[in-house]
Amino acid sequence: MSQKIKIDGVEHDLDSLSKDAKAILEKLQHTDKQIQDTNNLCALLTRAKKSYIQELKREMIQGKSGVDIASLFD
């Protein structure tokens, strides 16, 4: 069974694509992977940013109150 790709709702047999079309398809697939990798990295960095904000808040509260909030939960 040959592989197919759907473009604008129309299925195309990959074996019927020209050499140039196959090369473009490879570039498209590579681009899609890069976008996904970038989205994953963005999610990771967003999570790290939120963690740093929480850390900063704890540090600022500790500085004002003199109480180590984290030690209350150990």
N, C-alpha and C. Protein backbone atom coordinates (compact mmCIF):
# COMPACT_ATOMS: atom_id res chain seq x y z
N MET A 1 0.84 -1.18 0.00
CA MET A 1 0.00 0.00 0.00
C MET A 1 0.89 1.24 0.00
N SER A 2 0.66 2.12 -0.93
CA SER A 2 1.50 3.31 -1.04
C SER A 2 1.05 4.40 -0.08
N GLN A 3 1.98 5.24 0.25
CA GLN A 3 1.68 6.35 1.16
C GLN A 3 0.97 7.46 0.39
N LYS A 4 0.14 8.18 1.12
CA LYS A 4 -0.61 9.26 0.51
C LYS A 4 -0.46 10.52 1.36
N ILE A 5 -0.67 11.63 0.70
CA ILE A 5 -0.68 12.93 1.38
C ILE A 5 -1.94 13.65 0.93
N LYS A 6 -2.54 14.37 1.88
CA LYS A 6 -3.76 15.11 1.56
C LYS A 6 -3.44 16.60 1.50
N ILE A 7 -3.74 17.21 0.36
CA ILE A 7 -3.53 18.64 0.16
C ILE A 7 -4.85 19.24 -0.32
N ASP A 8 -5.34 20.21 0.42
CA ASP A 8 -6.62 20.86 0.09
C ASP A 8 -7.74 19.85 -0.08
N GLY A 9 -7.73 18.82 0.77
CA GLY A 9 -8.79 17.83 0.75
C GLY A 9 -8.66 16.76 -0.31
N VAL A 10 -7.61 16.82 -1.10
CA VAL A 10 -7.40 15.84 -2.18
C VAL A 10 -6.21 14.96 -1.83
N GLU A 11 -6.41 13.63 -1.87
CA GLU A 11 -5.32 12.70 -1.58
C GLU A 11 -4.45 12.51 -2.81
N HIS A 12 -3.14 12.48 -2.56
CA HIS A 12 -2.17 12.27 -3.63
C HIS A 12 -1.27 11.11 -3.23
N ASP A 13 -1.00 10.23 -4.17
CA ASP A 13 -0.10 9.10 -3.97
C ASP A 13 1.33 9.63 -4.02
N LEU A 14 2.10 9.37 -2.97
CA LEU A 14 3.47 9.88 -2.92
C LEU A 14 4.33 9.34 -4.06
N ASP A 15 4.06 8.13 -4.48
CA ASP A 15 4.84 7.54 -5.57
C ASP A 15 4.62 8.28 -6.88
N SER A 16 3.50 9.00 -7.00
CA SER A 16 3.21 9.69 -8.25
C SER A 16 3.80 11.10 -8.28
N LEU A 17 4.39 11.54 -7.17
CA LEU A 17 4.96 12.88 -7.14
C LEU A 17 6.28 12.93 -7.90
N SER A 18 6.55 14.08 -8.49
CA SER A 18 7.82 14.27 -9.18
C SER A 18 8.95 14.35 -8.16
N LYS A 19 10.16 14.26 -8.65
CA LYS A 19 11.33 14.36 -7.78
C LYS A 19 11.34 15.71 -7.05
N ASP A 20 11.03 16.77 -7.79
CA ASP A 20 10.99 18.10 -7.19
C ASP A 20 9.90 18.20 -6.13
N ALA A 21 8.73 17.63 -6.40
CA ALA A 21 7.63 17.66 -5.44
C ALA A 21 8.02 16.90 -4.17
N LYS A 22 8.71 15.78 -4.33
CA LYS A 22 9.15 15.01 -3.17
C LYS A 22 10.16 15.81 -2.34
N ALA A 23 11.04 16.55 -3.02
CA ALA A 23 12.02 17.38 -2.31
C ALA A 23 11.31 18.49 -1.54
N ILE A 24 10.31 19.09 -2.14
CA ILE A 24 9.53 20.14 -1.47
C ILE A 24 8.80 19.56 -0.27
N LEU A 25 8.24 18.36 -0.44
CA LEU A 25 7.54 17.70 0.65
C LEU A 25 8.48 17.44 1.83
N GLU A 26 9.70 17.02 1.53
CA GLU A 26 10.69 16.81 2.60
C GLU A 26 10.97 18.12 3.34
N LYS A 27 11.09 19.21 2.60
CA LYS A 27 11.31 20.52 3.23
C LYS A 27 10.12 20.91 4.09
N LEU A 28 8.92 20.64 3.61
CA LEU A 28 7.71 20.92 4.38
C LEU A 28 7.69 20.12 5.67
N GLN A 29 8.01 18.84 5.58
CA GLN A 29 8.03 17.99 6.77
C GLN A 29 9.09 18.46 7.76
N HIS A 30 10.24 18.85 7.24
CA HIS A 30 11.31 19.36 8.11
C HIS A 30 10.85 20.65 8.81
N THR A 31 10.19 21.51 8.05
CA THR A 31 9.69 22.77 8.61
C THR A 31 8.66 22.50 9.70
N ASP A 32 7.75 21.56 9.45
CA ASP A 32 6.75 21.20 10.47
C ASP A 32 7.42 20.70 11.74
N LYS A 33 8.47 19.89 11.59
CA LYS A 33 9.19 19.38 12.76
C LYS A 33 9.88 20.51 13.51
N GLN A 34 10.48 21.44 12.78
CA GLN A 34 11.14 22.58 13.42
C GLN A 34 10.13 23.43 14.19
N ILE A 35 8.95 23.63 13.61
CA ILE A 35 7.90 24.39 14.28
C ILE A 35 7.49 23.69 15.57
N GLN A 36 7.31 22.38 15.51
CA GLN A 36 6.93 21.62 16.70
C GLN A 36 8.02 21.69 17.77
N ASP A 37 9.27 21.54 17.35
CA ASP A 37 10.38 21.63 18.29
C ASP A 37 10.44 23.02 18.94
N THR A 38 10.21 24.05 18.14
CA THR A 38 10.22 25.41 18.65
C THR A 38 9.07 25.64 19.63
N ASN A 39 7.90 25.11 19.31
CA ASN A 39 6.75 25.21 20.23
C ASN A 39 7.05 24.50 21.54
N ASN A 40 7.68 23.33 21.46
CA ASN A 40 8.05 22.60 22.68
C ASN A 40 9.05 23.40 23.52
N LEU A 41 10.02 24.00 22.85
CA LEU A 41 11.01 24.81 23.56
C LEU A 41 10.34 26.03 24.20
N CYS A 42 9.41 26.64 23.48
CA CYS A 42 8.69 27.79 24.02
C CYS A 42 7.91 27.40 25.27
N ALA A 43 7.26 26.25 25.24
CA ALA A 43 6.52 25.77 26.41
C ALA A 43 7.46 25.52 27.58
N LEU A 44 8.61 24.94 27.31
CA LEU A 44 9.60 24.68 28.36
C LEU A 44 10.12 25.99 28.96
N LEU A 45 10.42 26.95 28.10
CA LEU A 45 10.92 28.23 28.59
C LEU A 45 9.85 29.00 29.37
N THR A 46 8.61 28.89 28.94
CA THR A 46 7.51 29.54 29.66
C THR A 46 7.37 28.94 31.05
N ARG A 47 7.50 27.64 31.13
CA ARG A 47 7.42 26.97 32.44
C ARG A 47 8.57 27.41 33.34
N ALA A 48 9.76 27.49 32.77
CA ALA A 48 10.92 27.94 33.54
C ALA A 48 10.73 29.38 34.01
N LYS A 49 10.20 30.22 33.13
CA LYS A 49 9.96 31.62 33.50
C LYS A 49 9.01 31.72 34.68
N LYS A 50 7.92 30.95 34.63
CA LYS A 50 6.95 30.97 35.72
C LYS A 50 7.59 30.50 37.03
N SER A 51 8.45 29.50 36.92
CA SER A 51 9.15 29.00 38.10
C SER A 51 10.07 30.06 38.68
N TYR A 52 10.79 30.77 37.81
CA TYR A 52 11.68 31.83 38.28
C TYR A 52 10.89 32.96 38.93
N ILE A 53 9.73 33.28 38.39
CA ILE A 53 8.89 34.32 38.99
C ILE A 53 8.46 33.90 40.39
N GLN A 54 8.05 32.65 40.55
CA GLN A 54 7.66 32.16 41.87
C GLN A 54 8.83 32.19 42.84
N GLU A 55 10.00 31.80 42.34
CA GLU A 55 11.21 31.83 43.18
C GLU A 55 11.52 33.26 43.63
N LEU A 56 11.39 34.19 42.69
CA LEU A 56 11.65 35.59 43.00
C LEU A 56 10.66 36.12 44.03
N LYS A 57 9.40 35.77 43.87
CA LYS A 57 8.38 36.19 44.84
C LYS A 57 8.70 35.66 46.23
N ARG A 58 9.07 34.37 46.32
CA ARG A 58 9.42 33.79 47.62
C ARG A 58 10.62 34.51 48.24
N GLU A 59 11.60 34.79 47.40
CA GLU A 59 12.80 35.46 47.89
C GLU A 59 12.48 36.87 48.38
N MET A 60 11.61 37.56 47.67
CA MET A 60 11.24 38.92 48.07
C MET A 60 10.43 38.90 49.37
N ILE A 61 9.53 37.94 49.52
CA ILE A 61 8.74 37.82 50.74
C ILE A 61 9.65 37.49 51.92
N GLN A 62 10.58 36.58 51.69
CA GLN A 62 11.53 36.21 52.75
C GLN A 62 12.36 37.42 53.17
N GLY A 63 12.77 38.22 52.18
CA GLY A 63 13.56 39.40 52.48
C GLY A 63 12.80 40.42 53.31
N LYS A 64 11.51 40.56 53.04
CA LYS A 64 10.69 41.52 53.78
C LYS A 64 10.32 41.02 55.17
N SER A 65 10.00 39.72 55.24
CA SER A 65 9.49 39.19 56.51
C SER A 65 10.57 38.54 57.36
N GLY A 66 11.65 38.14 56.73
CA GLY A 66 12.69 37.43 57.45
C GLY A 66 12.36 35.96 57.67
N VAL A 67 11.20 35.51 57.14
CA VAL A 67 10.77 34.12 57.29
C VAL A 67 11.00 33.39 55.98
N ASP A 68 11.65 32.24 56.06
CA ASP A 68 11.85 31.40 54.88
C ASP A 68 10.58 30.60 54.64
N ILE A 69 9.77 31.03 53.68
CA ILE A 69 8.48 30.39 53.39
C ILE A 69 8.67 28.91 53.05
N ALA A 70 9.71 28.61 52.28
CA ALA A 70 9.94 27.22 51.86
C ALA A 70 10.14 26.31 53.06
N SER A 71 10.77 26.82 54.12
CA SER A 71 11.02 25.97 55.30
C SER A 71 9.72 25.60 56.02
N LEU A 72 8.67 26.36 55.80
CA LEU A 72 7.39 26.05 56.43
C LEU A 72 6.74 24.80 55.83
N PHE A 73 7.14 24.45 54.61
CA PHE A 73 6.53 23.32 53.91
C PHE A 73 7.42 22.08 53.88
N ASP A 74 8.56 22.13 54.51
CA ASP A 74 9.47 20.96 54.54
C ASP A 74 9.06 19.97 55.59
